[in-house]
Protein backbone atom coordinates (compact mmCIF):
# COMPACT_ATOMS: atom_id res chain seq x y z
CA MET A 1 39.01 80.43 139.24
CA GLU A 2 36.94 83.96 138.16
CA SER A 3 34.42 83.60 135.76
CA THR A 4 35.20 85.76 132.43
CA THR A 5 31.08 86.08 131.64
CA GLY A 6 29.53 89.39 132.42
CA ILE A 7 26.98 89.40 134.97
CA ALA A 8 24.12 90.24 132.74
CA THR A 9 25.19 86.97 130.93
CA ARG A 10 25.08 85.37 133.78
CA LEU A 11 21.21 87.01 134.51
CA VAL A 12 19.74 85.97 130.82
CA ASN A 13 20.85 82.60 131.27
CA GLU A 14 19.60 81.77 134.71
CA MET A 15 16.32 83.39 133.38
CA LEU A 16 16.29 81.39 129.93
CA CYS A 17 16.77 78.08 132.50
CA ASN A 18 14.09 78.97 134.64
CA LEU A 19 11.44 80.01 131.98
CA ASN A 20 9.18 78.02 129.73
CA GLN A 21 11.63 77.67 126.18
CA GLU A 22 8.44 76.78 124.60
CA LYS A 23 6.98 80.09 125.12
CA GLU A 24 8.08 83.80 123.53
CA ILE A 25 10.24 85.62 125.93
CA VAL A 26 9.97 89.08 125.54
CA VAL A 27 12.47 92.22 127.00
CA VAL A 28 11.66 95.91 126.97
CA THR A 29 15.27 97.93 126.19
CA PHE A 30 15.40 101.47 124.06
CA ARG A 31 15.08 101.42 120.63
CA LYS A 32 17.20 101.40 117.91
CA GLU A 33 17.68 105.78 117.89
CA ASP A 34 18.54 106.25 121.75
CA GLN A 35 22.30 106.62 122.36
CA LYS A 36 21.52 104.80 125.73
CA GLY A 37 20.57 101.49 124.13
CA GLY A 38 23.45 100.78 121.98
CA ALA A 39 24.93 98.13 124.20
CA ALA A 40 21.97 96.79 125.47
CA ARG A 41 20.31 95.88 121.88
CA GLU A 42 23.17 94.37 120.86
CA PHE A 43 23.90 92.49 123.68
CA TYR A 44 19.93 90.98 123.74
CA GLN A 45 20.61 90.39 119.73
CA GLN A 46 23.74 88.43 120.40
CA MET A 47 21.75 86.72 123.49
CA GLY A 48 18.78 85.31 120.93
CA PHE A 49 16.86 87.79 121.51
CA VAL A 50 15.31 89.35 118.05
CA GLU A 51 13.18 93.09 117.41
CA GLY A 52 10.07 93.43 118.32
CA GLU A 53 7.40 96.02 118.47
CA LEU A 54 7.97 99.55 119.53
CA CYS A 55 6.23 100.58 123.17
CA THR A 56 5.99 103.20 125.44
CA GLU A 57 6.85 102.86 128.77
CA MET A 58 5.91 105.68 131.72
CA ASN A 59 6.09 107.83 128.87
CA TYR A 60 9.68 106.59 127.55
CA PRO A 61 9.82 104.84 124.33
CA LEU A 62 10.97 101.54 124.32
CA GLN A 63 11.28 98.02 122.29
CA ARG A 64 10.49 94.65 123.05
CA PHE A 65 12.82 92.33 121.92
CA LYS A 66 11.62 88.02 121.50
CA ARG A 67 13.66 85.35 121.69
CA ILE A 68 11.18 82.70 119.60
CA PRO A 69 10.41 79.36 120.89
CA MET A 70 12.46 76.84 120.43
């Protein structure tokens, strides 16, 4: 039987299973005003991440999303 869970969800779930849940987990994605970022931002929020600080990597404006320790 084929899973209906997307690859991104499976990857994040695997990541969460293998990382220390007692520590903050941080991912970097697009900023709110970036048209490329809507789906990624919504996905991370659905996975329990909250908006963090703005940042720039390789001269591109981004934002950190954090998953608070359980």
